[in-house]
PDB file of N, CA and C in Angstrom:
ATOM      1  N   MET A   1      95.404 190.140  45.716  1.00  0.00           N
ATOM      2  CA  MET A   1      95.002 188.867  46.249  1.00  0.00           C
ATOM      3  C   MET A   1      95.818 188.910  47.616  1.00  0.00           C
ATOM      4  N   SER A   2      95.251 188.287  48.556  1.00  0.00           N
ATOM      5  CA  SER A   2      96.066 188.148  50.028  1.00  0.00           C
ATOM      6  C   SER A   2      96.801 187.170  50.147  1.00  0.00           C
ATOM      7  N   GLU A   3      97.813 187.563  50.893  1.00  0.00           N
ATOM      8  CA  GLU A   3      98.999 186.741  51.263  1.00  0.00           C
ATOM      9  C   GLU A   3      98.710 185.631  52.358  1.00  0.00           C
ATOM     10  N   LYS A   4      98.740 184.288  51.928  1.00  0.00           N
ATOM     11  CA  LYS A   4      98.220 183.409  53.165  1.00  0.00           C
ATOM     12  C   LYS A   4      99.322 183.493  54.351  1.00  0.00           C
ATOM     13  N   LYS A   5      98.549 183.462  55.748  1.00  0.00           N
ATOM     14  CA  LYS A   5      99.618 183.374  56.614  1.00  0.00           C
ATOM     15  C   LYS A   5     100.410 181.635  57.300  1.00  0.00           C
ATOM     16  N   TYR A   6     101.457 181.767  57.467  1.00  0.00           N
ATOM     17  CA  TYR A   6     101.857 180.634  57.726  1.00  0.00           C
ATOM     18  C   TYR A   6     100.813 179.646  59.341  1.00  0.00           C
ATOM     19  N   GLU A   7     100.913 178.719  59.004  1.00  0.00           N
ATOM     20  CA  GLU A   7     100.357 177.869  60.091  1.00  0.00           C
ATOM     21  C   GLU A   7     101.307 177.176  60.707  1.00  0.00           C
ATOM     22  N   GLU A   8     101.054 177.086  62.048  1.00  0.00           N
ATOM     23  CA  GLU A   8     102.046 175.498  62.634  1.00  0.00           C
ATOM     24  C   GLU A   8     101.465 174.542  62.315  1.00  0.00           C
ATOM     25  N   GLY A   9     102.320 173.708  62.239  1.00  0.00           N
ATOM     26  CA  GLY A   9     102.123 172.250  61.922  1.00  0.00           C
ATOM     27  C   GLY A   9     102.252 172.032  60.374  1.00  0.00           C
ATOM     28  N   VAL A  10     102.394 172.826  59.569  1.00  0.00           N
ATOM     29  CA  VAL A  10     102.511 172.740  58.097  1.00  0.00           C
ATOM     30  C   VAL A  10     104.245 173.494  57.918  1.00  0.00           C
ATOM     31  N   ASP A  11     104.535 172.527  56.689  1.00  0.00           N
ATOM     32  CA  ASP A  11     105.866 172.264  56.412  1.00  0.00           C
ATOM     33  C   ASP A  11     106.269 174.079  55.875  1.00  0.00           C
ATOM     34  N   PRO A  12     107.265 174.388  56.897  1.00  0.00           N
ATOM     35  CA  PRO A  12     107.446 176.096  56.323  1.00  0.00           C
ATOM     36  C   PRO A  12     108.117 176.168  54.876  1.00  0.00           C
ATOM     37  N   VAL A  13     108.969 175.052  54.243  1.00  0.00           N
ATOM     38  CA  VAL A  13     109.729 174.793  53.296  1.00  0.00           C
ATOM     39  C   VAL A  13     108.052 175.255  51.970  1.00  0.00           C
ATOM     40  N   THR A  14     107.848 174.027  52.450  1.00  0.00           N
ATOM     41  CA  THR A  14     106.478 173.764  51.235  1.00  0.00           C
ATOM     42  C   THR A  14     105.655 175.125  50.881  1.00  0.00           C
ATOM     43  N   PHE A  15     105.389 175.491  52.403  1.00  0.00           N
ATOM     44  CA  PHE A  15     104.668 176.717  52.346  1.00  0.00           C
ATOM     45  C   PHE A  15     105.226 177.724  51.746  1.00  0.00           C
ATOM     46  N   TYR A  16     106.352 178.069  52.177  1.00  0.00           N
ATOM     47  CA  TYR A  16     106.968 179.522  51.285  1.00  0.00           C
ATOM     48  C   TYR A  16     107.480 178.948  50.434  1.00  0.00           C
ATOM     49  N   ARG A  17     107.882 177.987  49.712  1.00  0.00           N
ATOM     50  CA  ARG A  17     107.921 177.916  47.712  1.00  0.00           C
ATOM     51  C   ARG A  17     106.757 178.206  47.432  1.00  0.00           C
ATOM     52  N   GLU A  18     105.434 177.483  47.578  1.00  0.00           N
ATOM     53  CA  GLU A  18     104.392 177.817  47.324  1.00  0.00           C
ATOM     54  C   GLU A  18     104.113 179.320  47.013  1.00  0.00           C
ATOM     55  N   GLN A  19     104.348 180.247  48.024  1.00  0.00           N
ATOM     56  CA  GLN A  19     103.824 181.888  48.602  1.00  0.00           C
ATOM     57  C   GLN A  19     104.826 182.105  47.225  1.00  0.00           C
ATOM     58  N   CYS A  20     106.002 181.656  47.369  1.00  0.00           N
ATOM     59  CA  CYS A  20     107.256 182.102  46.126  1.00  0.00           C
ATOM     60  C   CYS A  20     106.831 182.074  44.885  1.00  0.00           C
ATOM     61  N   ALA A  21     106.175 180.955  44.477  1.00  0.00           N
ATOM     62  CA  ALA A  21     105.753 180.385  43.280  1.00  0.00           C
ATOM     63  C   ALA A  21     104.984 181.555  42.606  1.00  0.00           C
ATOM     64  N   LEU A  22     104.021 182.363  43.691  1.00  0.00           N
ATOM     65  CA  LEU A  22     103.275 183.500  42.784  1.00  0.00           C
ATOM     66  C   LEU A  22     103.905 184.762  42.497  1.00  0.00           C
ATOM     67  N   GLU A  23     105.321 184.878  42.598  1.00  0.00           N
ATOM     68  CA  GLU A  23     105.783 185.868  42.541  1.00  0.00           C
ATOM     69  C   GLU A  23     105.928 186.201  41.240  1.00  0.00           C
ATOM     70  N   LYS A  24     106.337 187.541  40.664  1.00  0.00           N
ATOM     71  CA  LYS A  24     106.398 187.579  39.136  1.00  0.00           C
ATOM     72  C   LYS A  24     107.453 186.888  38.624  1.00  0.00           C
ATOM     73  N   LYS A  25     108.373 187.131  39.388  1.00  0.00           N
ATOM     74  CA  LYS A  25     109.910 186.416  38.697  1.00  0.00           C
ATOM     75  C   LYS A  25     109.780 184.759  38.920  1.00  0.00           C
ATOM     76  N   ALA A  26     109.275 184.621  39.274  1.00  0.00           N
ATOM     77  CA  ALA A  26     108.843 182.816  39.323  1.00  0.00           C
ATOM     78  C   ALA A  26     107.856 182.612  38.249  1.00  0.00           C
ATOM     79  N   ILE A  27     106.800 183.157  37.712  1.00  0.00           N
ATOM     80  CA  ILE A  27     105.868 182.998  36.927  1.00  0.00           C
ATOM     81  C   ILE A  27     107.199 182.923  35.779  1.00  0.00           C
ATOM     82  N   SER A  28     107.849 184.225  35.788  1.00  0.00           N
ATOM     83  CA  SER A  28     108.530 184.796  34.672  1.00  0.00           C
ATOM     84  C   SER A  28     109.519 183.302  34.173  1.00  0.00           C
ATOM     85  N   LEU A  29     110.418 182.783  35.249  1.00  0.00           N
ATOM     86  CA  LEU A  29     111.107 181.156  35.594  1.00  0.00           C
ATOM     87  C   LEU A  29     110.088 180.265  34.969  1.00  0.00           C
ATOM     88  N   LYS A  30     109.062 179.912  35.570  1.00  0.00           N
ATOM     89  CA  LYS A  30     108.163 178.926  35.234  1.00  0.00           C
ATOM     90  C   LYS A  30     107.575 178.592  33.526  1.00  0.00           C
ATOM     91  N   GLU A  31     107.254 180.077  33.155  1.00  0.00           N
ATOM     92  CA  GLU A  31     107.197 180.113  31.714  1.00  0.00           C
ATOM     93  C   GLU A  31     108.357 179.908  30.651  1.00  0.00           C
ATOM     94  N   ILE A  32     109.822 180.467  30.909  1.00  0.00           N
ATOM     95  CA  ILE A  32     110.984 179.870  30.434  1.00  0.00           C
ATOM     96  C   ILE A  32     110.616 178.175  30.557  1.00  0.00           C
ATOM     97  N   LEU A  33     110.694 177.936  31.596  1.00  0.00           N
ATOM     98  CA  LEU A  33     110.634 176.318  31.740  1.00  0.00           C
ATOM     99  C   LEU A  33     109.867 175.206  30.933  1.00  0.00           C
ATOM    100  N   GLU A  34     108.682 175.818  30.837  1.00  0.00           N
ATOM    101  CA  GLU A  34     107.565 175.022  29.984  1.00  0.00           C
ATOM    102  C   GLU A  34     107.671 175.573  28.988  1.00  0.00           C
ATOM    103  N   THR A  35     108.517 176.633  28.289  1.00  0.00           N
ATOM    104  CA  THR A  35     108.433 176.531  26.829  1.00  0.00           C
ATOM    105  C   THR A  35     109.731 175.617  26.694  1.00  0.00           C
ATOM    106  N   CYS A  36     110.674 175.610  27.381  1.00  0.00           N
ATOM    107  CA  CYS A  36     111.309 174.426  26.898  1.00  0.00           C
ATOM    108  C   CYS A  36     110.877 172.990  26.798  1.00  0.00           C
ATOM    109  N   ASN A  37     110.425 172.856  27.736  1.00  0.00           N
ATOM    110  CA  ASN A  37     109.240 171.482  27.710  1.00  0.00           C
ATOM    111  C   ASN A  37     108.828 171.341  26.683  1.00  0.00           C
ATOM    112  N   GLU A  38     108.388 171.983  26.631  1.00  0.00           N
ATOM    113  CA  GLU A  38     107.452 171.918  25.153  1.00  0.00           C
ATOM    114  C   GLU A  38     108.216 171.729  24.038  1.00  0.00           C
ATOM    115  N   ARG A  39     109.436 172.511  23.859  1.00  0.00           N
ATOM    116  CA  ARG A  39     110.574 172.373  22.462  1.00  0.00           C
ATOM    117  C   ARG A  39     111.052 170.996  22.776  1.00  0.00           C
ATOM    118  N   VAL A  40     111.170 170.360  24.094  1.00  0.00           N
ATOM    119  CA  VAL A  40     111.636 169.117  24.173  1.00  0.00           C
ATOM    120  C   VAL A  40     110.784 168.003  23.711  1.00  0.00           C
ATOM    121  N   ARG A  41     109.462 167.879  24.349  1.00  0.00           N
ATOM    122  CA  ARG A  41     108.473 167.027  23.863  1.00  0.00           C
ATOM    123  C   ARG A  41     108.150 167.274  22.138  1.00  0.00           C
ATOM    124  N   ALA A  42     108.212 168.117  21.840  1.00  0.00           N
ATOM    125  CA  ALA A  42     108.030 168.160  20.252  1.00  0.00           C
ATOM    126  C   ALA A  42     109.161 167.522  19.498  1.00  0.00           C
ATOM    127  N   ASN A  43     110.446 167.818  19.938  1.00  0.00           N
ATOM    128  CA  ASN A  43     111.815 167.222  19.521  1.00  0.00           C
ATOM    129  C   ASN A  43     112.438 166.408  20.183  1.00  0.00           C
ATOM    130  N   PRO A  44     112.098 165.084  20.607  1.00  0.00           N
ATOM    131  CA  PRO A  44     112.616 164.562  21.817  1.00  0.00           C
ATOM    132  C   PRO A  44     113.945 163.829  21.246  1.00  0.00           C
ATOM    133  N   ASP A  45     114.351 164.030  19.832  1.00  0.00           N
ATOM    134  CA  ASP A  45     115.658 163.472  19.279  1.00  0.00           C
ATOM    135  C   ASP A  45     116.769 164.649  19.635  1.00  0.00           C
ATOM    136  N   SER A  46     116.106 165.787  19.753  1.00  0.00           N
ATOM    137  CA  SER A  46     117.080 166.857  19.677  1.00  0.00           C
ATOM    138  C   SER A  46     118.518 166.588  20.919  1.00  0.00           C
ATOM    139  N   GLY A  47     118.202 166.070  21.834  1.00  0.00           N
ATOM    140  CA  GLY A  47     119.227 165.914  22.776  1.00  0.00           C
ATOM    141  C   GLY A  47     119.338 166.925  23.733  1.00  0.00           C
ATOM    142  N   GLU A  48     118.295 168.248  23.369  1.00  0.00           N
ATOM    143  CA  GLU A  48     118.130 169.561  24.156  1.00  0.00           C
ATOM    144  C   GLU A  48     117.222 168.324  25.830  1.00  0.00           C
ATOM    145  N   SER A  49     117.975 169.418  26.569  1.00  0.00           N
ATOM    146  CA  SER A  49     117.383 169.168  28.109  1.00  0.00           C
ATOM    147  C   SER A  49     117.208 170.109  28.755  1.00  0.00           C
ATOM    148  N   CYS A  50     116.235 170.693  29.815  1.00  0.00           N
ATOM    149  CA  CYS A  50     115.688 171.654  30.160  1.00  0.00           C
ATOM    150  C   CYS A  50     116.432 171.751  31.707  1.00  0.00           C
ATOM    151  N   HIS A  51     117.698 171.482  31.924  1.00  0.00           N
ATOM    152  CA  HIS A  51     118.143 171.089  32.997  1.00  0.00           C
ATOM    153  C   HIS A  51     118.315 172.848  33.737  1.00  0.00           C
ATOM    154  N   MET A  52     119.273 173.622  32.827  1.00  0.00           N
ATOM    155  CA  MET A  52     119.396 174.829  33.545  1.00  0.00           C
ATOM    156  C   MET A  52     118.042 176.150  33.554  1.00  0.00           C
ATOM    157  N   GLU A  53     116.812 175.344  32.618  1.00  0.00           N
ATOM    158  CA  GLU A  53     115.390 176.209  33.127  1.00  0.00           C
ATOM    159  C   GLU A  53     115.002 175.589  34.485  1.00  0.00           C
ATOM    160  N   MET A  54     115.117 174.112  34.582  1.00  0.00           N
ATOM    161  CA  MET A  54     114.679 174.135  35.915  1.00  0.00           C
ATOM    162  C   MET A  54     115.691 174.309  36.973  1.00  0.00           C
ATOM    163  N   THR A  55     116.498 174.450  37.003  1.00  0.00           N
ATOM    164  CA  THR A  55     117.757 174.702  38.274  1.00  0.00           C
ATOM    165  C   THR A  55     117.241 176.123  38.628  1.00  0.00           C
ATOM    166  N   ASP A  56     117.002 176.903  37.380  1.00  0.00           N
ATOM    167  CA  ASP A  56     116.961 178.550  37.819  1.00  0.00           C
ATOM    168  C   ASP A  56     115.659 178.411  38.452  1.00  0.00           C
ATOM    169  N   TYR A  57     114.981 178.043  38.052  1.00  0.00           N
ATOM    170  CA  TYR A  57     113.546 178.183  38.750  1.00  0.00           C
ATOM    171  C   TYR A  57     113.732 177.700  40.054  1.00  0.00           C
ATOM    172  N   VAL A  58     114.113 176.189  40.542  1.00  0.00           N
ATOM    173  CA  VAL A  58     113.902 175.809  41.766  1.00  0.00           C
ATOM    174  C   VAL A  58     114.945 176.676  42.857  1.00  0.00           C
ATOM    175  N   HIS A  59     115.970 177.009  41.715  1.00  0.00           N
ATOM    176  CA  HIS A  59     116.969 178.092  42.860  1.00  0.00           C
ATOM    177  C   HIS A  59     116.309 179.229  43.114  1.00  0.00           C
ATOM    178  N   PHE A  60     115.421 179.817  42.478  1.00  0.00           N
ATOM    179  CA  PHE A  60     114.471 181.001  42.892  1.00  0.00           C
ATOM    180  C   PHE A  60     113.937 180.919  43.880  1.00  0.00           C
ATOM    181  N   LEU A  61     113.177 180.019  44.212  1.00  0.00           N
ATOM    182  CA  LEU A  61     111.828 179.304  44.669  1.00  0.00           C
ATOM    183  C   LEU A  61     112.892 179.224  46.260  1.00  0.00           C
ATOM    184  N   ASP A  62     113.660 177.978  46.094  1.00  0.00           N
ATOM    185  CA  ASP A  62     114.847 178.009  47.500  1.00  0.00           C
ATOM    186  C   ASP A  62     115.130 179.516  47.964  1.00  0.00           C
ATOM    187  N   HIS A  63     115.966 180.127  47.180  1.00  0.00           N
ATOM    188  CA  HIS A  63     116.345 181.514  47.641  1.00  0.00           C
ATOM    189  C   HIS A  63     115.380 182.320  48.148  1.00  0.00           C
ATOM    190  N   CYS A  64     114.188 182.525  48.027  1.00  0.00           N
ATOM    191  CA  CYS A  64     113.298 183.137  48.288  1.00  0.00           C
ATOM    192  C   CYS A  64     112.339 182.829  49.600  1.00  0.00           C
ATOM    193  N   ALA A  65     112.387 181.481  49.469  1.00  0.00           N
ATOM    194  CA  ALA A  65     111.690 180.488  50.850  1.00  0.00           C
ATOM    195  C   ALA A  65     112.483 180.081  51.799  1.00  0.00           C
ATOM    196  N   MET A  66     113.734 179.914  51.841  1.00  0.00           N
ATOM    197  CA  MET A  66     114.333 179.605  52.700  1.00  0.00           C
ATOM    198  C   MET A  66     114.374 180.839  54.001  1.00  0.00           C
ATOM    199  N   PRO A  67     115.057 182.031  53.675  1.00  0.00           N
ATOM    200  CA  PRO A  67     115.166 182.791  54.788  1.00  0.00           C
ATOM    201  C   PRO A  67     113.678 183.258  55.585  1.00  0.00           C
ATOM    202  N   LYS A  68     112.509 182.898  54.743  1.00  0.00           N
ATOM    203  CA  LYS A  68     111.336 182.823  55.745  1.00  0.00           C
ATOM    204  C   LYS A  68     111.153 181.919  56.512  1.00  0.00           C
ATOM    205  N   ALA A  69     111.608 180.628  55.749  1.00  0.00           N
ATOM    206  CA  ALA A  69     111.067 179.248  56.686  1.00  0.00           C
ATOM    207  C   ALA A  69     112.120 178.942  57.785  1.00  0.00           C
ATOM    208  N   PHE A  70     113.242 179.451  57.751  1.00  0.00           N
ATOM    209  CA  PHE A  70     114.510 179.476  58.809  1.00  0.00           C
ATOM    210  C   PHE A  70     113.510 180.074  59.874  1.00  0.00           C
ATOM    211  N   LYS A  71     113.073 181.350  59.889  1.00  0.00           N
ATOM    212  CA  LYS A  71     112.430 181.633  60.957  1.00  0.00           C
ATOM    213  C   LYS A  71     111.390 181.220  61.667  1.00  0.00           C
ATOM    214  N   HIS A  72     111.342 179.764  61.243  1.00  0.00           N
ATOM    215  CA  HIS A  72     110.162 179.164  61.930  1.00  0.00           C
ATOM    216  C   HIS A  72     110.817 177.605  62.711  1.00  0.00           C
ATOM    217  N   LEU A  73     111.878 177.743  62.456  1.00  0.00           N
ATOM    218  CA  LEU A  73     112.608 176.738  63.172  1.00  0.00           C
ATOM    219  C   LEU A  73     112.729 176.958  64.437  1.00  0.00           C
ATOM    220  N   LYS A  74     112.864 175.761  65.216  1.00  0.00           N
ATOM    221  CA  LYS A  74     112.399 175.950  66.630  1.00  0.00           C
ATOM    222  C   LYS A  74     114.144 175.351  67.651  1.00  0.00           C
TER     223      LYS A  74
END
C-alpha cells in the first residue's frame, strides 16, 4: 500500500490521524476498543466503560499525527 501524500488545503491533523490509524499499533488498539465496546453492548448494566481503551487509541493517533501535522503550520 502506498502512503498518501499531504495536499495543501486539507486539514493536516485529520490527514495524519487517518494515516496513523493504518499503523499496526493503531489497528491493535482499535481492536481492543471494539472488543470492549462489544462487551459493554452485551451487558449494558455492568457499569463498565471503554474510557481507557478510547483514551489509549486517541492518544496514539495524536502522538503519531501531531509531529507530522505541525510541519505544515505556517
